[in-house]
Amino acid sequence: MDLVFPLEYQPGNWCKHFTGRFQKHCQAGIAYITFQASALPCLKDNCATEICPHASFPTVTEVQAQMQEMEGLIKQALPNLSQGICPQCGHPIERKEMEGFSQYAMPCRHRLGTTF
């Protein structure tokens, strides 16, 4: 059975200091290599065996504000995308290219989205 979580689950589940798995440190200055477990303690619901003392997660109000901001950005981007215009720079999209799991507008190379 596949579990499907609501979109607001994602920003609410990440520590506020998380900078990305491929960075060396979080915004609190903690080196990710400090945690040897395969599950980072930067996720609220990842069953990590180690706990980061600096972990801080968004409140419900903060998650709602992030969701409103994302919805606003999506509403702005969709008309541009439907007209073949890059939502980040406003230049025409001549073609789209996939690189790994990400899709890019060409020739500006702005990322349009990610697929899994």
N, C-alpha and C. Protein backbone atom coordinates (compact mmCIF):
# COMPACT_ATOMS: atom_id res chain seq x y z
N MET A 1 0.85 -1.18 0.00
CA MET A 1 0.00 0.00 0.00
C MET A 1 0.89 1.25 0.00
N ASP A 2 0.61 2.18 -0.89
CA ASP A 2 1.36 3.44 -0.95
C ASP A 2 0.76 4.43 0.04
N LEU A 3 1.63 5.12 0.76
CA LEU A 3 1.17 6.18 1.65
C LEU A 3 1.25 7.49 0.90
N VAL A 4 0.19 8.25 0.93
CA VAL A 4 0.16 9.56 0.29
C VAL A 4 -0.06 10.60 1.38
N PHE A 5 0.93 11.46 1.55
CA PHE A 5 0.84 12.50 2.56
C PHE A 5 0.39 13.80 1.92
N PRO A 6 -0.35 14.63 2.64
CA PRO A 6 -0.73 15.94 2.09
C PRO A 6 0.51 16.80 1.89
N LEU A 7 0.43 17.73 0.97
CA LEU A 7 1.58 18.58 0.64
C LEU A 7 2.12 19.31 1.87
N GLU A 8 1.24 19.77 2.75
CA GLU A 8 1.71 20.52 3.92
C GLU A 8 2.51 19.67 4.89
N TYR A 9 2.44 18.35 4.73
CA TYR A 9 3.24 17.45 5.56
C TYR A 9 4.73 17.69 5.33
N GLN A 10 5.10 17.99 4.08
CA GLN A 10 6.52 18.12 3.75
C GLN A 10 7.19 19.28 4.48
N PRO A 11 6.72 20.53 4.34
CA PRO A 11 7.43 21.61 5.06
C PRO A 11 7.31 21.48 6.57
N GLY A 12 6.27 20.86 7.07
CA GLY A 12 6.11 20.69 8.50
C GLY A 12 6.98 19.60 9.08
N ASN A 13 7.51 18.74 8.25
CA ASN A 13 8.29 17.60 8.70
C ASN A 13 9.80 17.87 8.70
N TRP A 14 10.25 18.91 8.01
CA TRP A 14 11.68 19.22 7.93
C TRP A 14 12.08 20.20 9.03
N CYS A 15 13.25 19.97 9.61
CA CYS A 15 13.82 20.91 10.58
C CYS A 15 14.03 22.26 9.88
N LYS A 16 13.82 23.34 10.62
CA LYS A 16 13.99 24.68 10.06
C LYS A 16 15.43 24.94 9.62
N HIS A 17 16.39 24.22 10.17
CA HIS A 17 17.80 24.44 9.87
C HIS A 17 18.32 23.63 8.69
N PHE A 18 17.52 22.71 8.18
CA PHE A 18 17.97 21.80 7.12
C PHE A 18 18.33 22.58 5.85
N THR A 19 19.50 22.29 5.29
CA THR A 19 19.96 23.00 4.08
C THR A 19 20.05 22.09 2.86
N GLY A 20 19.83 20.80 3.05
CA GLY A 20 19.92 19.87 1.93
C GLY A 20 20.92 18.78 2.23
N ARG A 21 20.64 17.61 1.76
CA ARG A 21 21.46 16.43 2.07
C ARG A 21 22.89 16.55 1.52
N PHE A 22 23.08 17.34 0.49
CA PHE A 22 24.39 17.42 -0.14
C PHE A 22 25.22 18.60 0.39
N GLN A 23 24.74 19.25 1.42
CA GLN A 23 25.50 20.30 2.08
C GLN A 23 26.26 19.68 3.25
N LYS A 24 27.28 20.35 3.73
CA LYS A 24 28.07 19.80 4.84
C LYS A 24 27.45 20.13 6.20
N HIS A 25 26.84 21.31 6.31
CA HIS A 25 26.31 21.77 7.59
C HIS A 25 24.88 22.29 7.42
N CYS A 26 24.14 22.25 8.52
CA CYS A 26 22.82 22.87 8.52
C CYS A 26 22.99 24.34 8.91
N GLN A 27 21.89 25.09 8.92
CA GLN A 27 21.96 26.51 9.28
C GLN A 27 22.32 26.72 10.75
N ALA A 28 22.17 25.70 11.57
CA ALA A 28 22.55 25.80 12.98
C ALA A 28 24.04 25.49 13.16
N GLY A 29 24.73 25.16 12.04
CA GLY A 29 26.16 24.89 12.10
C GLY A 29 26.51 23.45 12.45
N ILE A 30 25.54 22.56 12.47
CA ILE A 30 25.78 21.16 12.80
C ILE A 30 26.20 20.41 11.54
N ALA A 31 27.31 19.70 11.60
CA ALA A 31 27.78 18.91 10.46
C ALA A 31 26.91 17.67 10.33
N TYR A 32 26.39 17.44 9.13
CA TYR A 32 25.55 16.27 8.90
C TYR A 32 26.30 14.97 9.17
N ILE A 33 27.61 14.99 8.96
CA ILE A 33 28.40 13.77 9.17
C ILE A 33 28.42 13.37 10.65
N THR A 34 28.05 14.32 11.52
CA THR A 34 27.96 14.03 12.95
C THR A 34 27.03 12.86 13.23
N PHE A 35 26.01 12.76 12.40
CA PHE A 35 25.01 11.71 12.58
C PHE A 35 25.32 10.57 11.63
N GLN A 36 25.76 9.47 12.17
CA GLN A 36 26.20 8.34 11.36
C GLN A 36 25.05 7.49 10.85
N ALA A 37 23.89 7.64 11.42
CA ALA A 37 22.75 6.83 10.99
C ALA A 37 22.34 7.21 9.58
N SER A 38 21.72 6.29 8.88
CA SER A 38 21.28 6.58 7.51
C SER A 38 20.10 7.54 7.52
N ALA A 39 19.34 7.60 8.60
CA ALA A 39 18.20 8.50 8.70
C ALA A 39 18.64 9.76 9.44
N LEU A 40 18.55 10.89 8.77
CA LEU A 40 18.93 12.16 9.40
C LEU A 40 17.91 12.55 10.46
N PRO A 41 18.35 13.15 11.54
CA PRO A 41 17.40 13.61 12.56
C PRO A 41 16.74 14.94 12.16
N CYS A 42 16.87 15.33 10.89
CA CYS A 42 16.29 16.58 10.39
C CYS A 42 14.83 16.41 9.99
N LEU A 43 14.36 15.17 10.02
CA LEU A 43 12.97 14.88 9.71
C LEU A 43 12.25 14.47 10.98
N LYS A 44 11.07 15.03 11.17
CA LYS A 44 10.32 14.72 12.38
C LYS A 44 9.92 13.25 12.43
N ASP A 45 9.52 12.70 11.30
CA ASP A 45 8.95 11.35 11.27
C ASP A 45 9.83 10.35 10.53
N ASN A 46 11.14 10.33 10.77
CA ASN A 46 11.98 9.41 10.01
C ASN A 46 12.53 8.26 10.84
N CYS A 47 12.10 8.14 12.08
CA CYS A 47 12.53 7.04 12.95
C CYS A 47 14.05 7.04 13.17
N ALA A 48 14.67 8.22 13.20
CA ALA A 48 16.11 8.31 13.43
C ALA A 48 16.44 7.84 14.85
N THR A 49 17.54 7.17 14.96
CA THR A 49 17.96 6.70 16.28
C THR A 49 18.72 7.79 17.04
N GLU A 50 19.25 8.76 16.29
CA GLU A 50 19.97 9.86 16.91
C GLU A 50 19.08 11.11 16.88
N ILE A 51 19.17 11.93 17.91
CA ILE A 51 18.36 13.14 17.98
C ILE A 51 19.29 14.34 17.99
N CYS A 52 19.02 15.29 17.14
CA CYS A 52 19.81 16.52 17.10
C CYS A 52 19.27 17.48 18.16
N PRO A 53 20.13 17.99 19.02
CA PRO A 53 19.66 18.89 20.08
C PRO A 53 19.20 20.24 19.54
N HIS A 54 19.52 20.55 18.29
CA HIS A 54 19.14 21.84 17.70
C HIS A 54 17.92 21.73 16.78
N ALA A 55 17.34 20.55 16.67
CA ALA A 55 16.20 20.37 15.77
C ALA A 55 15.05 21.28 16.19
N SER A 56 14.48 21.95 15.19
CA SER A 56 13.36 22.87 15.41
C SER A 56 12.44 22.74 14.20
N PHE A 57 11.18 22.50 14.46
CA PHE A 57 10.24 22.26 13.39
C PHE A 57 9.20 23.37 13.32
N PRO A 58 8.71 23.68 12.10
CA PRO A 58 7.75 24.77 11.94
C PRO A 58 6.44 24.49 12.70
N THR A 59 5.83 25.56 13.15
CA THR A 59 4.52 25.46 13.79
C THR A 59 3.46 25.30 12.70
N VAL A 60 2.26 24.98 13.09
CA VAL A 60 1.14 24.85 12.15
C VAL A 60 0.94 26.18 11.41
N THR A 61 1.03 27.28 12.12
CA THR A 61 0.86 28.61 11.51
C THR A 61 1.95 28.88 10.48
N GLU A 62 3.19 28.51 10.78
CA GLU A 62 4.29 28.70 9.83
C GLU A 62 4.11 27.83 8.59
N VAL A 63 3.65 26.60 8.78
CA VAL A 63 3.40 25.71 7.64
C VAL A 63 2.28 26.29 6.77
N GLN A 64 1.23 26.79 7.39
CA GLN A 64 0.13 27.39 6.62
C GLN A 64 0.61 28.60 5.82
N ALA A 65 1.48 29.41 6.40
CA ALA A 65 2.03 30.57 5.69
C ALA A 65 2.89 30.12 4.51
N GLN A 66 3.70 29.07 4.70
CA GLN A 66 4.52 28.53 3.60
C GLN A 66 3.62 27.99 2.49
N MET A 67 2.55 27.33 2.87
CA MET A 67 1.63 26.77 1.87
C MET A 67 0.97 27.88 1.07
N GLN A 68 0.55 28.96 1.73
CA GLN A 68 -0.05 30.09 1.02
C GLN A 68 0.94 30.72 0.06
N GLU A 69 2.18 30.85 0.50
CA GLU A 69 3.22 31.41 -0.37
C GLU A 69 3.44 30.52 -1.59
N MET A 70 3.53 29.19 -1.37
CA MET A 70 3.72 28.26 -2.49
C MET A 70 2.54 28.31 -3.46
N GLU A 71 1.33 28.37 -2.92
CA GLU A 71 0.15 28.43 -3.78
C GLU A 71 0.15 29.69 -4.63
N GLY A 72 0.57 30.82 -4.02
CA GLY A 72 0.66 32.07 -4.76
C GLY A 72 1.68 32.00 -5.89
N LEU A 73 2.83 31.39 -5.60
CA LEU A 73 3.87 31.24 -6.63
C LEU A 73 3.40 30.33 -7.76
N ILE A 74 2.68 29.27 -7.41
CA ILE A 74 2.16 28.36 -8.44
C ILE A 74 1.14 29.08 -9.31
N LYS A 75 0.25 29.86 -8.70
CA LYS A 75 -0.76 30.60 -9.47
C LYS A 75 -0.11 31.60 -10.43
N GLN A 76 1.03 32.16 -10.04
CA GLN A 76 1.75 33.08 -10.91
C GLN A 76 2.47 32.33 -12.03
N ALA A 77 3.02 31.16 -11.70
CA ALA A 77 3.84 30.42 -12.67
C ALA A 77 3.02 29.72 -13.74
N LEU A 78 1.84 29.19 -13.41
CA LEU A 78 1.08 28.39 -14.36
C LEU A 78 0.71 29.12 -15.65
N PRO A 79 0.22 30.37 -15.59
CA PRO A 79 -0.08 31.05 -16.87
C PRO A 79 1.16 31.21 -17.75
N ASN A 80 2.30 31.52 -17.14
CA ASN A 80 3.54 31.65 -17.92
C ASN A 80 3.92 30.32 -18.56
N LEU A 81 3.89 29.25 -17.78
CA LEU A 81 4.24 27.93 -18.31
C LEU A 81 3.34 27.53 -19.46
N SER A 82 2.04 27.81 -19.33
CA SER A 82 1.11 27.43 -20.40
C SER A 82 1.35 28.22 -21.68
N GLN A 83 2.02 29.37 -21.56
CA GLN A 83 2.35 30.18 -22.73
C GLN A 83 3.80 29.98 -23.17
N GLY A 84 4.51 29.03 -22.55
CA GLY A 84 5.88 28.75 -22.94
C GLY A 84 6.88 29.78 -22.46
N ILE A 85 6.59 30.40 -21.30
CA ILE A 85 7.47 31.42 -20.74
C ILE A 85 8.02 30.91 -19.41
N CYS A 86 9.31 31.07 -19.21
CA CYS A 86 9.96 30.64 -17.97
C CYS A 86 9.40 31.48 -16.82
N PRO A 87 8.85 30.84 -15.78
CA PRO A 87 8.28 31.60 -14.68
C PRO A 87 9.32 32.31 -13.82
N GLN A 88 10.59 31.95 -13.94
CA GLN A 88 11.63 32.60 -13.13
C GLN A 88 12.21 33.84 -13.78
N CYS A 89 12.45 33.78 -15.09
CA CYS A 89 13.13 34.91 -15.74
C CYS A 89 12.27 35.61 -16.80
N GLY A 90 11.15 34.97 -17.21
CA GLY A 90 10.27 35.59 -18.18
C GLY A 90 10.70 35.42 -19.63
N HIS A 91 11.76 34.67 -19.88
CA HIS A 91 12.21 34.44 -21.26
C HIS A 91 11.46 33.26 -21.87
N PRO A 92 11.33 33.25 -23.19
CA PRO A 92 10.65 32.13 -23.85
C PRO A 92 11.37 30.80 -23.62
N ILE A 93 10.59 29.75 -23.44
CA ILE A 93 11.15 28.40 -23.31
C ILE A 93 11.18 27.80 -24.71
N GLU A 94 12.38 27.58 -25.23
CA GLU A 94 12.52 27.00 -26.56
C GLU A 94 12.29 25.50 -26.53
N ARG A 95 12.72 24.87 -25.44
CA ARG A 95 12.51 23.43 -25.26
C ARG A 95 12.72 23.12 -23.78
N LYS A 96 12.31 21.92 -23.38
CA LYS A 96 12.50 21.46 -22.01
C LYS A 96 13.41 20.25 -22.04
N GLU A 97 14.31 20.16 -21.08
CA GLU A 97 15.24 19.03 -21.01
C GLU A 97 15.20 18.42 -19.62
N MET A 98 15.27 17.09 -19.59
CA MET A 98 15.34 16.36 -18.33
C MET A 98 16.80 16.11 -17.99
N GLU A 99 17.15 16.32 -16.75
CA GLU A 99 18.47 16.00 -16.23
C GLU A 99 18.24 15.28 -14.91
N GLY A 100 18.46 13.99 -14.89
CA GLY A 100 18.12 13.22 -13.70
C GLY A 100 16.61 13.24 -13.51
N PHE A 101 16.17 13.69 -12.35
CA PHE A 101 14.74 13.77 -12.06
C PHE A 101 14.19 15.18 -12.27
N SER A 102 15.02 16.12 -12.70
CA SER A 102 14.59 17.51 -12.84
C SER A 102 14.41 17.91 -14.29
N GLN A 103 13.43 18.78 -14.51
CA GLN A 103 13.16 19.31 -15.84
C GLN A 103 13.59 20.78 -15.88
N TYR A 104 14.29 21.16 -16.96
CA TYR A 104 14.82 22.51 -17.09
C TYR A 104 14.29 23.18 -18.34
N ALA A 105 14.07 24.50 -18.23
CA ALA A 105 13.71 25.32 -19.39
C ALA A 105 14.99 25.66 -20.13
N MET A 106 14.94 25.57 -21.44
CA MET A 106 16.11 25.90 -22.24
C MET A 106 15.80 27.10 -23.11
N PRO A 107 16.70 28.02 -23.32
CA PRO A 107 18.11 27.99 -22.99
C PRO A 107 18.47 28.58 -21.62
N CYS A 108 17.51 29.09 -20.85
CA CYS A 108 17.86 29.75 -19.59
C CYS A 108 18.31 28.79 -18.49
N ARG A 109 17.96 27.51 -18.57
CA ARG A 109 18.33 26.46 -17.63
C ARG A 109 17.70 26.61 -16.25
N HIS A 110 16.59 27.33 -16.14
CA HIS A 110 15.90 27.38 -14.85
C HIS A 110 15.12 26.09 -14.66
N ARG A 111 15.15 25.59 -13.43
CA ARG A 111 14.47 24.33 -13.13
C ARG A 111 12.97 24.55 -13.09
N LEU A 112 12.25 23.71 -13.81
CA LEU A 112 10.79 23.81 -13.87
C LEU A 112 10.11 22.88 -12.88
N GLY A 113 10.78 21.82 -12.50
CA GLY A 113 10.15 20.88 -11.57
C GLY A 113 10.95 19.60 -11.47
N THR A 114 10.46 18.74 -10.60
CA THR A 114 11.10 17.46 -10.34
C THR A 114 10.08 16.35 -10.45
N THR A 115 10.50 15.23 -11.03
CA THR A 115 9.61 14.06 -11.13
C THR A 115 10.25 12.89 -10.41
N PHE A 116 9.45 12.00 -9.95
CA PHE A 116 9.97 10.81 -9.25
C PHE A 116 9.39 9.57 -9.86
